[in-house]
């Protein structure tokens, strides 16, 4: 896995997080700078992606809310990126602990996927007023690309990682060139489907990097045997071994799961500019020095 690419795509997901979920204004035309090498790369937003939020047993009405969930961007090289953020609803989903499965909707006989993630993926659209009628996959060819698309990267954090996994599978099975073959980067993704879904995904989408902090709770769920992870694990360790060991990220659930914590750990490994942690995630031993 290319660490600099992982950092760049994570920063594009951060740009999706920077848009308040309730802000449904399309970000088309905005310029996002991402990456640490050579001052980064400028990406232009082609369109915002919208969805019904993740419904949970604790808050089923959340699923009727239309939210901004991601961005489709393009660089001057023609490289396109689909960046999908997470949601606060992931913590409620963890507490529900039911993880019901439904048949994978993209390919008959390709196993089962988690129902909440699947329902949310099926609601993804490039227009907030169509109820999913203009889905992302059906809209690709008609988007106002600035130049021919030369590559497609799909990336997502947390719930966005699960949505990115489903999208990459859908694209591989049902899209046409140049959108069919994608590179995938996920951060803190939960498991998305059962072993049959995973084996089919691994065959269709081999270019996947699944980045997981080993102390983050979300990537450990749902538990096997009903669910499994796709291949491509890149393991992050928030503890640096030594005498004594050094804690790099405060050991609590939100901090271990935060995308900023992931980018901090990745940038330390890349050996260049170290991206900052959220202030509340700096370990007390580090903060005192």
C-alpha atoms as a PDB file:
ATOM      1  CA  UNK A   1       0.000   0.000   0.000  1.00  0.00           C
ATOM      2  CA  UNK A   2       1.221   3.497  -0.878  1.00  0.00           C
ATOM      3  CA  UNK A   3       1.221   5.534   2.354  1.00  0.00           C
ATOM      4  CA  UNK A   4       1.129   8.870   0.548  1.00  0.00           C
ATOM      5  CA  UNK A   5      -1.914   7.807  -1.465  1.00  0.00           C
ATOM      6  CA  UNK A   6      -3.575   6.572   1.721  1.00  0.00           C
ATOM      7  CA  UNK A   7      -3.015   9.966   3.342  1.00  0.00           C
ATOM      8  CA  UNK A   8      -4.256  11.869   0.286  1.00  0.00           C
ATOM      9  CA  UNK A   9      -7.490   9.886   0.003  1.00  0.00           C
ATOM     10  CA  UNK A  10      -8.038  10.142   3.756  1.00  0.00           C
ATOM     11  CA  UNK A  11      -7.784  13.921   3.468  1.00  0.00           C
ATOM     12  CA  UNK A  12     -10.439  13.888   0.735  1.00  0.00           C
ATOM     13  CA  UNK A  13     -12.710  11.974   3.110  1.00  0.00           C
ATOM     14  CA  UNK A  14     -11.983  14.672   5.693  1.00  0.00           C
ATOM     15  CA  UNK A  15     -13.233  17.196   3.143  1.00  0.00           C
ATOM     16  CA  UNK A  16     -16.504  15.243   3.005  1.00  0.00           C
ATOM     17  CA  UNK A  17     -16.662  15.344   6.820  1.00  0.00           C
ATOM     18  CA  UNK A  18     -16.208  19.119   6.699  1.00  0.00           C
ATOM     19  CA  UNK A  19     -19.623  19.476   5.040  1.00  0.00           C
ATOM     20  CA  UNK A  20     -22.345  19.398   7.733  1.00  0.00           C
ATOM     21  CA  UNK A  21     -24.668  16.430   7.059  1.00  0.00           C
ATOM     22  CA  UNK A  22     -27.715  18.695   6.892  1.00  0.00           C
ATOM     23  CA  UNK A  23     -26.067  20.994   4.323  1.00  0.00           C
ATOM     24  CA  UNK A  24     -27.551  19.731   1.048  1.00  0.00           C
ATOM     25  CA  UNK A  25     -26.012  22.425  -1.154  1.00  0.00           C
ATOM     26  CA  UNK A  26     -24.032  20.788  -3.956  1.00  0.00           C
ATOM     27  CA  UNK A  27     -20.286  21.452  -3.561  1.00  0.00           C
ATOM     28  CA  UNK A  28     -19.666  21.247  -7.324  1.00  0.00           C
ATOM     29  CA  UNK A  29     -16.726  23.433  -8.353  1.00  0.00           C
ATOM     30  CA  UNK A  30     -15.040  23.573  -4.924  1.00  0.00           C
ATOM     31  CA  UNK A  31     -11.274  22.938  -4.981  1.00  0.00           C
ATOM     32  CA  UNK A  32      -9.823  20.564  -2.378  1.00  0.00           C
ATOM     33  CA  UNK A  33      -6.065  20.303  -1.863  1.00  0.00           C
ATOM     34  CA  UNK A  34      -4.948  16.898  -0.598  1.00  0.00           C
ATOM     35  CA  UNK A  35      -1.652  15.094  -0.119  1.00  0.00           C
ATOM     36  CA  UNK A  36       1.711  15.804   1.506  1.00  0.00           C
ATOM     37  CA  UNK A  37       4.056  15.370  -1.461  1.00  0.00           C
ATOM     38  CA  UNK A  38       4.919  18.457  -3.510  1.00  0.00           C
ATOM     39  CA  UNK A  39       2.258  20.552  -1.810  1.00  0.00           C
ATOM     40  CA  UNK A  40      -0.468  18.058  -2.605  1.00  0.00           C
ATOM     41  CA  UNK A  41      -2.860  17.712  -5.520  1.00  0.00           C
ATOM     42  CA  UNK A  42      -5.804  19.938  -6.351  1.00  0.00           C
ATOM     43  CA  UNK A  43      -9.099  18.092  -6.805  1.00  0.00           C
ATOM     44  CA  UNK A  44     -12.259  19.749  -8.094  1.00  0.00           C
ATOM     45  CA  UNK A  45     -15.581  18.598  -6.691  1.00  0.00           C
ATOM     46  CA  UNK A  46     -17.766  17.255  -9.509  1.00  0.00           C
ATOM     47  CA  UNK A  47     -20.794  16.657  -7.305  1.00  0.00           C
ATOM     48  CA  UNK A  48     -21.926  15.959  -3.755  1.00  0.00           C
ATOM     49  CA  UNK A  49     -23.311  12.511  -2.876  1.00  0.00           C
ATOM     50  CA  UNK A  50     -26.445  12.271  -0.738  1.00  0.00           C
ATOM     51  CA  UNK A  51     -28.131   9.377   1.077  1.00  0.00           C
ATOM     52  CA  UNK A  52     -30.714   8.417   3.644  1.00  0.00           C
ATOM     53  CA  UNK A  53     -28.848   8.297   6.957  1.00  0.00           C
ATOM     54  CA  UNK A  54     -28.185   5.009   8.741  1.00  0.00           C
ATOM     55  CA  UNK A  55     -31.364   3.887  10.514  1.00  0.00           C
ATOM     56  CA  UNK A  56     -30.836   2.050  13.801  1.00  0.00           C
ATOM     57  CA  UNK A  57     -33.086   0.389  16.352  1.00  0.00           C
ATOM     58  CA  UNK A  58     -32.223   3.202  18.753  1.00  0.00           C
ATOM     59  CA  UNK A  59     -33.187   5.831  16.185  1.00  0.00           C
ATOM     60  CA  UNK A  60     -35.146   4.369  13.240  1.00  0.00           C
ATOM     61  CA  UNK A  61     -36.271   7.843  12.132  1.00  0.00           C
ATOM     62  CA  UNK A  62     -32.638   8.679  11.328  1.00  0.00           C
ATOM     63  CA  UNK A  63     -33.107   6.603   8.173  1.00  0.00           C
ATOM     64  CA  UNK A  64     -35.627   9.099   6.795  1.00  0.00           C
ATOM     65  CA  UNK A  65     -33.140  11.980   6.953  1.00  0.00           C
ATOM     66  CA  UNK A  66     -31.423  12.976   3.708  1.00  0.00           C
ATOM     67  CA  UNK A  67     -27.796  13.861   4.420  1.00  0.00           C
ATOM     68  CA  UNK A  68     -24.659  14.850   2.563  1.00  0.00           C
ATOM     69  CA  UNK A  69     -22.482  11.726   2.704  1.00  0.00           C
ATOM     70  CA  UNK A  70     -19.645  12.214   0.230  1.00  0.00           C
ATOM     71  CA  UNK A  71     -17.954  13.896  -2.704  1.00  0.00           C
ATOM     72  CA  UNK A  72     -17.009  12.924  -6.239  1.00  0.00           C
ATOM     73  CA  UNK A  73     -13.823  14.730  -7.265  1.00  0.00           C
ATOM     74  CA  UNK A  74     -11.404  14.882 -10.191  1.00  0.00           C
ATOM     75  CA  UNK A  75      -7.770  15.971 -10.553  1.00  0.00           C
ATOM     76  CA  UNK A  76      -6.297  17.656 -13.631  1.00  0.00           C
ATOM     77  CA  UNK A  77      -4.801  14.279 -14.599  1.00  0.00           C
ATOM     78  CA  UNK A  78      -8.313  12.882 -15.025  1.00  0.00           C
ATOM     79  CA  UNK A  79      -8.039  10.754 -11.863  1.00  0.00           C
ATOM     80  CA  UNK A  80     -11.416  10.594 -10.146  1.00  0.00           C
ATOM     81  CA  UNK A  81     -12.093   9.928  -6.466  1.00  0.00           C
ATOM     82  CA  UNK A  82     -15.300   9.039  -4.667  1.00  0.00           C
ATOM     83  CA  UNK A  83     -14.902   9.916  -0.966  1.00  0.00           C
ATOM     84  CA  UNK A  84     -17.497   8.742   1.565  1.00  0.00           C
ATOM     85  CA  UNK A  85     -17.634   9.850   5.185  1.00  0.00           C
ATOM     86  CA  UNK A  86     -19.005   8.051   8.224  1.00  0.00           C
ATOM     87  CA  UNK A  87     -21.894   8.942  10.511  1.00  0.00           C
ATOM     88  CA  UNK A  88     -22.557   9.231  14.237  1.00  0.00           C
ATOM     89  CA  UNK A  89     -25.146   6.495  13.670  1.00  0.00           C
ATOM     90  CA  UNK A  90     -22.369   3.899  13.541  1.00  0.00           C
ATOM     91  CA  UNK A  91     -22.125   3.991  17.341  1.00  0.00           C
ATOM     92  CA  UNK A  92     -25.863   3.346  17.658  1.00  0.00           C
ATOM     93  CA  UNK A  93     -25.497   0.524  15.149  1.00  0.00           C
ATOM     94  CA  UNK A  94     -22.813  -1.027  17.361  1.00  0.00           C
ATOM     95  CA  UNK A  95     -25.093  -0.790  20.400  1.00  0.00           C
ATOM     96  CA  UNK A  96     -28.002  -2.389  18.487  1.00  0.00           C
ATOM     97  CA  UNK A  97     -25.793  -5.477  18.010  1.00  0.00           C
ATOM     98  CA  UNK A  98     -28.275  -7.250  15.687  1.00  0.00           C
ATOM     99  CA  UNK A  99     -26.467  -6.959  12.346  1.00  0.00           C
ATOM    100  CA  UNK A 100     -29.222  -8.459  10.200  1.00  0.00           C
ATOM    101  CA  UNK A 101     -28.246  -9.698   6.724  1.00  0.00           C
ATOM    102  CA  UNK A 102     -29.944  -9.375   3.346  1.00  0.00           C
ATOM    103  CA  UNK A 103     -29.048 -10.932  -0.029  1.00  0.00           C
ATOM    104  CA  UNK A 104     -26.375  -8.976  -1.880  1.00  0.00           C
ATOM    105  CA  UNK A 105     -28.369  -6.880  -4.386  1.00  0.00           C
ATOM    106  CA  UNK A 106     -25.708  -6.582  -7.088  1.00  0.00           C
ATOM    107  CA  UNK A 107     -25.002 -10.178  -8.150  1.00  0.00           C
ATOM    108  CA  UNK A 108     -27.375 -13.145  -7.640  1.00  0.00           C
ATOM    109  CA  UNK A 109     -25.873 -15.764  -5.358  1.00  0.00           C
ATOM    110  CA  UNK A 110     -23.072 -13.502  -4.113  1.00  0.00           C
ATOM    111  CA  UNK A 111     -23.870 -13.967  -0.444  1.00  0.00           C
ATOM    112  CA  UNK A 112     -25.372 -11.573   2.088  1.00  0.00           C
ATOM    113  CA  UNK A 113     -24.574  -8.033   3.200  1.00  0.00           C
ATOM    114  CA  UNK A 114     -25.470  -6.082   6.345  1.00  0.00           C
ATOM    115  CA  UNK A 115     -28.979  -4.683   5.928  1.00  0.00           C
ATOM    116  CA  UNK A 116     -28.410  -1.153   7.249  1.00  0.00           C
ATOM    117  CA  UNK A 117     -25.343  -0.595   5.099  1.00  0.00           C
ATOM    118  CA  UNK A 118     -27.092  -2.079   2.070  1.00  0.00           C
ATOM    119  CA  UNK A 119     -30.181   0.091   2.491  1.00  0.00           C
ATOM    120  CA  UNK A 120     -28.036   3.184   2.861  1.00  0.00           C
ATOM    121  CA  UNK A 121     -25.950   2.280  -0.185  1.00  0.00           C
ATOM    122  CA  UNK A 122     -29.087   1.784  -2.260  1.00  0.00           C
ATOM    123  CA  UNK A 123     -30.183   5.323  -1.310  1.00  0.00           C
ATOM    124  CA  UNK A 124     -26.966   6.987  -2.566  1.00  0.00           C
ATOM    125  CA  UNK A 125     -27.743   9.636  -5.138  1.00  0.00           C
ATOM    126  CA  UNK A 126     -26.270  12.733  -6.756  1.00  0.00           C
ATOM    127  CA  UNK A 127     -29.496  14.684  -6.210  1.00  0.00           C
ATOM    128  CA  UNK A 128     -31.107  15.135  -2.767  1.00  0.00           C
ATOM    129  CA  UNK A 129     -34.598  15.541  -4.230  1.00  0.00           C
ATOM    130  CA  UNK A 130     -35.017  12.272  -6.129  1.00  0.00           C
ATOM    131  CA  UNK A 131     -35.158   9.664  -3.376  1.00  0.00           C
ATOM    132  CA  UNK A 132     -32.326   7.662  -4.930  1.00  0.00           C
ATOM    133  CA  UNK A 133     -33.781   7.710  -8.456  1.00  0.00           C
ATOM    134  CA  UNK A 134     -30.514   9.180  -9.756  1.00  0.00           C
ATOM    135  CA  UNK A 135     -28.166   6.633  -8.183  1.00  0.00           C
ATOM    136  CA  UNK A 136     -24.429   7.151  -8.363  1.00  0.00           C
ATOM    137  CA  UNK A 137     -23.755   4.224 -10.681  1.00  0.00           C
ATOM    138  CA  UNK A 138     -26.464   5.292 -13.146  1.00  0.00           C
ATOM    139  CA  UNK A 139     -25.296   8.902 -13.045  1.00  0.00           C
ATOM    140  CA  UNK A 140     -21.583   8.427 -13.698  1.00  0.00           C
ATOM    141  CA  UNK A 141     -21.560   8.856 -17.467  1.00  0.00           C
ATOM    142  CA  UNK A 142     -23.658  12.017 -17.281  1.00  0.00           C
ATOM    143  CA  UNK A 143     -21.661  13.835 -14.608  1.00  0.00           C
ATOM    144  CA  UNK A 144     -19.957  17.095 -15.662  1.00  0.00           C
ATOM    145  CA  UNK A 145     -16.426  15.676 -15.774  1.00  0.00           C
ATOM    146  CA  UNK A 146     -13.828  18.288 -16.679  1.00  0.00           C
ATOM    147  CA  UNK A 147     -11.769  15.793 -18.699  1.00  0.00           C
ATOM    148  CA  UNK A 148     -11.840  12.078 -19.560  1.00  0.00           C
ATOM    149  CA  UNK A 149     -11.722   9.856 -16.476  1.00  0.00           C
ATOM    150  CA  UNK A 150      -8.393   8.027 -16.328  1.00  0.00           C
ATOM    151  CA  UNK A 151      -8.822   6.144 -13.033  1.00  0.00           C
ATOM    152  CA  UNK A 152     -11.324   5.628 -10.221  1.00  0.00           C
ATOM    153  CA  UNK A 153     -10.519   5.444  -6.516  1.00  0.00           C
ATOM    154  CA  UNK A 154     -13.285   4.754  -3.997  1.00  0.00           C
ATOM    155  CA  UNK A 155     -12.468   5.582  -0.386  1.00  0.00           C
ATOM    156  CA  UNK A 156     -14.399   5.780   2.866  1.00  0.00           C
ATOM    157  CA  UNK A 157     -14.058   5.951   6.643  1.00  0.00           C
ATOM    158  CA  UNK A 158     -16.145   3.979   9.143  1.00  0.00           C
ATOM    159  CA  UNK A 159     -19.647   3.551   7.697  1.00  0.00           C
ATOM    160  CA  UNK A 160     -18.202   5.180   4.570  1.00  0.00           C
ATOM    161  CA  UNK A 161     -15.761   2.273   4.372  1.00  0.00           C
ATOM    162  CA  UNK A 162     -18.655  -0.186   4.257  1.00  0.00           C
ATOM    163  CA  UNK A 163     -20.378   1.951   1.611  1.00  0.00           C
ATOM    164  CA  UNK A 164     -17.128   2.120  -0.392  1.00  0.00           C
ATOM    165  CA  UNK A 165     -16.873  -1.683  -0.265  1.00  0.00           C
ATOM    166  CA  UNK A 166     -20.419  -2.078  -1.560  1.00  0.00           C
ATOM    167  CA  UNK A 167     -19.848   0.571  -4.235  1.00  0.00           C
ATOM    168  CA  UNK A 168     -16.663  -1.049  -5.502  1.00  0.00           C
ATOM    169  CA  UNK A 169     -18.458  -4.411  -5.738  1.00  0.00           C
ATOM    170  CA  UNK A 170     -21.387  -2.787  -7.567  1.00  0.00           C
ATOM    171  CA  UNK A 171     -19.066  -0.978  -9.976  1.00  0.00           C
ATOM    172  CA  UNK A 172     -17.075  -4.150 -10.719  1.00  0.00           C
ATOM    173  CA  UNK A 173     -20.233  -6.129 -11.401  1.00  0.00           C
ATOM    174  CA  UNK A 174     -22.419  -3.550 -13.136  1.00  0.00           C
ATOM    175  CA  UNK A 175     -20.561  -0.422 -14.260  1.00  0.00           C
ATOM    176  CA  UNK A 176     -18.795   0.071 -17.587  1.00  0.00           C
ATOM    177  CA  UNK A 177     -15.290   1.302 -18.348  1.00  0.00           C
ATOM    178  CA  UNK A 178     -13.631   3.449 -17.086  1.00  0.00           C
ATOM    179  CA  UNK A 179     -15.621   3.089 -13.858  1.00  0.00           C
ATOM    180  CA  UNK A 180     -15.645  -0.707 -13.666  1.00  0.00           C
ATOM    181  CA  UNK A 181     -12.122  -1.180 -12.310  1.00  0.00           C
ATOM    182  CA  UNK A 182     -11.513   0.790  -9.130  1.00  0.00           C
ATOM    183  CA  UNK A 183      -8.854   1.103  -6.475  1.00  0.00           C
ATOM    184  CA  UNK A 184     -10.273   1.033  -2.942  1.00  0.00           C
ATOM    185  CA  UNK A 185      -8.996   2.553   0.308  1.00  0.00           C
ATOM    186  CA  UNK A 186     -11.069   2.053   3.447  1.00  0.00           C
ATOM    187  CA  UNK A 187     -10.320   3.297   6.963  1.00  0.00           C
ATOM    188  CA  UNK A 188     -11.920   1.797  10.092  1.00  0.00           C
ATOM    189  CA  UNK A 189     -14.484  -0.095   8.027  1.00  0.00           C
ATOM    190  CA  UNK A 190     -16.805  -2.562   9.739  1.00  0.00           C
ATOM    191  CA  UNK A 191     -17.362  -5.937   8.118  1.00  0.00           C
ATOM    192  CA  UNK A 192     -19.822  -5.602   5.263  1.00  0.00           C
ATOM    193  CA  UNK A 193     -20.849  -9.099   4.207  1.00  0.00           C
ATOM    194  CA  UNK A 194     -20.698 -12.828   4.811  1.00  0.00           C
ATOM    195  CA  UNK A 195     -17.861 -15.133   3.674  1.00  0.00           C
ATOM    196  CA  UNK A 196     -19.467 -15.768   0.264  1.00  0.00           C
ATOM    197  CA  UNK A 197     -19.793 -12.034  -0.372  1.00  0.00           C
ATOM    198  CA  UNK A 198     -16.185 -11.551   0.740  1.00  0.00           C
ATOM    199  CA  UNK A 199     -14.803 -14.257  -1.567  1.00  0.00           C
ATOM    200  CA  UNK A 200     -16.731 -12.795  -4.516  1.00  0.00           C
ATOM    201  CA  UNK A 201     -15.552  -9.281  -3.663  1.00  0.00           C
ATOM    202  CA  UNK A 202     -11.927 -10.390  -3.383  1.00  0.00           C
ATOM    203  CA  UNK A 203     -12.159 -11.844  -6.897  1.00  0.00           C
ATOM    204  CA  UNK A 204     -13.841  -8.775  -8.420  1.00  0.00           C
ATOM    205  CA  UNK A 205     -11.992  -5.999  -6.536  1.00  0.00           C
ATOM    206  CA  UNK A 206      -8.436  -7.186  -5.843  1.00  0.00           C
ATOM    207  CA  UNK A 207      -6.939  -3.676  -5.542  1.00  0.00           C
ATOM    208  CA  UNK A 208      -8.205  -2.952  -2.028  1.00  0.00           C
ATOM    209  CA  UNK A 209      -6.364  -1.481   0.951  1.00  0.00           C
ATOM    210  CA  UNK A 210      -8.324  -1.936   4.180  1.00  0.00           C
ATOM    211  CA  UNK A 211      -6.662   0.187   6.861  1.00  0.00           C
ATOM    212  CA  UNK A 212      -7.538  -0.696  10.454  1.00  0.00           C
ATOM    213  CA  UNK A 213      -6.261   0.514  13.830  1.00  0.00           C
ATOM    214  CA  UNK A 214      -5.856  -2.659  15.873  1.00  0.00           C
ATOM    215  CA  UNK A 215      -7.417  -0.959  18.951  1.00  0.00           C
ATOM    216  CA  UNK A 216     -10.423   0.416  17.040  1.00  0.00           C
ATOM    217  CA  UNK A 217     -13.657  -1.384  17.941  1.00  0.00           C
ATOM    218  CA  UNK A 218     -15.581  -0.738  14.700  1.00  0.00           C
ATOM    219  CA  UNK A 219     -13.460  -2.910  12.344  1.00  0.00           C
ATOM    220  CA  UNK A 220     -13.973  -5.870  14.678  1.00  0.00           C
ATOM    221  CA  UNK A 221     -17.750  -5.854  14.074  1.00  0.00           C
ATOM    222  CA  UNK A 222     -19.981  -7.620  13.223  1.00  0.00           C
ATOM    223  CA  UNK A 223     -18.461 -10.785  14.652  1.00  0.00           C
ATOM    224  CA  UNK A 224     -17.793 -13.955  12.612  1.00  0.00           C
ATOM    225  CA  UNK A 225     -18.978 -16.437  11.409  1.00  0.00           C
ATOM    226  CA  UNK A 226     -21.889 -14.485   9.863  1.00  0.00           C
ATOM    227  CA  UNK A 227     -19.607 -11.650   8.707  1.00  0.00           C
ATOM    228  CA  UNK A 228     -16.028 -11.461   7.505  1.00  0.00           C
ATOM    229  CA  UNK A 229     -13.576  -8.850   6.211  1.00  0.00           C
ATOM    230  CA  UNK A 230     -12.418  -8.409   2.637  1.00  0.00           C
ATOM    231  CA  UNK A 231      -8.715  -8.823   1.960  1.00  0.00           C
ATOM    232  CA  UNK A 232      -6.150  -6.022   1.910  1.00  0.00           C
ATOM    233  CA  UNK A 233      -5.566  -5.400   5.634  1.00  0.00           C
ATOM    234  CA  UNK A 234      -3.029  -2.719   6.519  1.00  0.00           C
ATOM    235  CA  UNK A 235      -2.647  -2.849  10.281  1.00  0.00           C
ATOM    236  CA  UNK A 236      -2.029   0.337  12.284  1.00  0.00           C
ATOM    237  CA  UNK A 237      -0.689   0.150  15.831  1.00  0.00           C
ATOM    238  CA  UNK A 238      -1.361   3.130  18.130  1.00  0.00           C
ATOM    239  CA  UNK A 239       1.248   1.865  20.592  1.00  0.00           C
ATOM    240  CA  UNK A 240       4.963   2.090  19.806  1.00  0.00           C
ATOM    241  CA  UNK A 241       6.778  -0.776  21.428  1.00  0.00           C
ATOM    242  CA  UNK A 242       9.804   0.043  23.519  1.00  0.00           C
ATOM    243  CA  UNK A 243      10.903   0.291  27.136  1.00  0.00           C
ATOM    244  CA  UNK A 244       8.534   1.690  28.166  1.00  0.00           C
ATOM    245  CA  UNK A 245       5.958   1.472  25.352  1.00  0.00           C
ATOM    246  CA  UNK A 246       4.708   4.797  23.959  1.00  0.00           C
ATOM    247  CA  UNK A 247       0.986   5.412  23.579  1.00  0.00           C
ATOM    248  CA  UNK A 248       0.466   7.390  20.364  1.00  0.00           C
ATOM    249  CA  UNK A 249      -3.306   7.891  20.542  1.00  0.00           C
ATOM    250  CA  UNK A 250      -5.484   8.230  23.632  1.00  0.00           C
ATOM    251  CA  UNK A 251      -7.038   4.857  24.371  1.00  0.00           C
ATOM    252  CA  UNK A 252     -10.768   5.495  24.109  1.00  0.00           C
ATOM    253  CA  UNK A 253     -13.336   4.442  21.523  1.00  0.00           C
ATOM    254  CA  UNK A 254     -13.856   7.781  19.718  1.00  0.00           C
ATOM    255  CA  UNK A 255     -10.132   8.567  19.504  1.00  0.00           C
ATOM    256  CA  UNK A 256      -9.096   5.133  18.264  1.00  0.00           C
ATOM    257  CA  UNK A 257     -11.836   5.363  15.603  1.00  0.00           C
ATOM    258  CA  UNK A 258     -11.254   8.966  14.489  1.00  0.00           C
ATOM    259  CA  UNK A 259     -10.086   9.495  10.900  1.00  0.00           C
ATOM    260  CA  UNK A 260      -7.675  12.156  12.179  1.00  0.00           C
ATOM    261  CA  UNK A 261      -6.062   9.505  14.379  1.00  0.00           C
ATOM    262  CA  UNK A 262      -5.696   7.237  11.340  1.00  0.00           C
ATOM    263  CA  UNK A 263      -4.093  10.043   9.322  1.00  0.00           C
ATOM    264  CA  UNK A 264      -1.768  10.864  12.230  1.00  0.00           C
ATOM    265  CA  UNK A 265      -0.564   7.253  12.426  1.00  0.00           C
ATOM    266  CA  UNK A 266      -0.197   6.957   8.643  1.00  0.00           C
ATOM    267  CA  UNK A 267       1.767  10.205   8.423  1.00  0.00           C
ATOM    268  CA  UNK A 268       4.143   9.072  11.186  1.00  0.00           C
ATOM    269  CA  UNK A 269       4.826   5.924   9.179  1.00  0.00           C
ATOM    270  CA  UNK A 270       5.343   7.928   5.971  1.00  0.00           C
ATOM    271  CA  UNK A 271       8.167   9.824   7.672  1.00  0.00           C
ATOM    272  CA  UNK A 272       7.267  13.272   6.382  1.00  0.00           C
ATOM    273  CA  UNK A 273       4.955  15.935   7.773  1.00  0.00           C
ATOM    274  CA  UNK A 274       3.076  14.503  10.774  1.00  0.00           C
ATOM    275  CA  UNK A 275      -0.598  15.390  10.654  1.00  0.00           C
ATOM    276  CA  UNK A 276      -2.111  16.488  13.994  1.00  0.00           C
ATOM    277  CA  UNK A 277      -4.359  14.518  16.292  1.00  0.00           C
ATOM    278  CA  UNK A 278      -7.532  16.042  17.659  1.00  0.00           C
ATOM    279  CA  UNK A 279      -6.535  17.788  20.893  1.00  0.00           C
ATOM    280  CA  UNK A 280      -8.697  15.457  22.995  1.00  0.00           C
ATOM    281  CA  UNK A 281      -6.922  12.416  21.498  1.00  0.00           C
ATOM    282  CA  UNK A 282      -3.392  13.401  22.509  1.00  0.00           C
ATOM    283  CA  UNK A 283      -2.254  10.960  25.229  1.00  0.00           C
ATOM    284  CA  UNK A 284      -1.716  12.614  28.594  1.00  0.00           C
ATOM    285  CA  UNK A 285       1.877  11.392  28.713  1.00  0.00           C
ATOM    286  CA  UNK A 286       2.547  13.117  25.383  1.00  0.00           C
ATOM    287  CA  UNK A 287       0.665  16.269  26.311  1.00  0.00           C
ATOM    288  CA  UNK A 288       2.707  16.707  29.487  1.00  0.00           C
ATOM    289  CA  UNK A 289       6.039  16.881  27.645  1.00  0.00           C
END
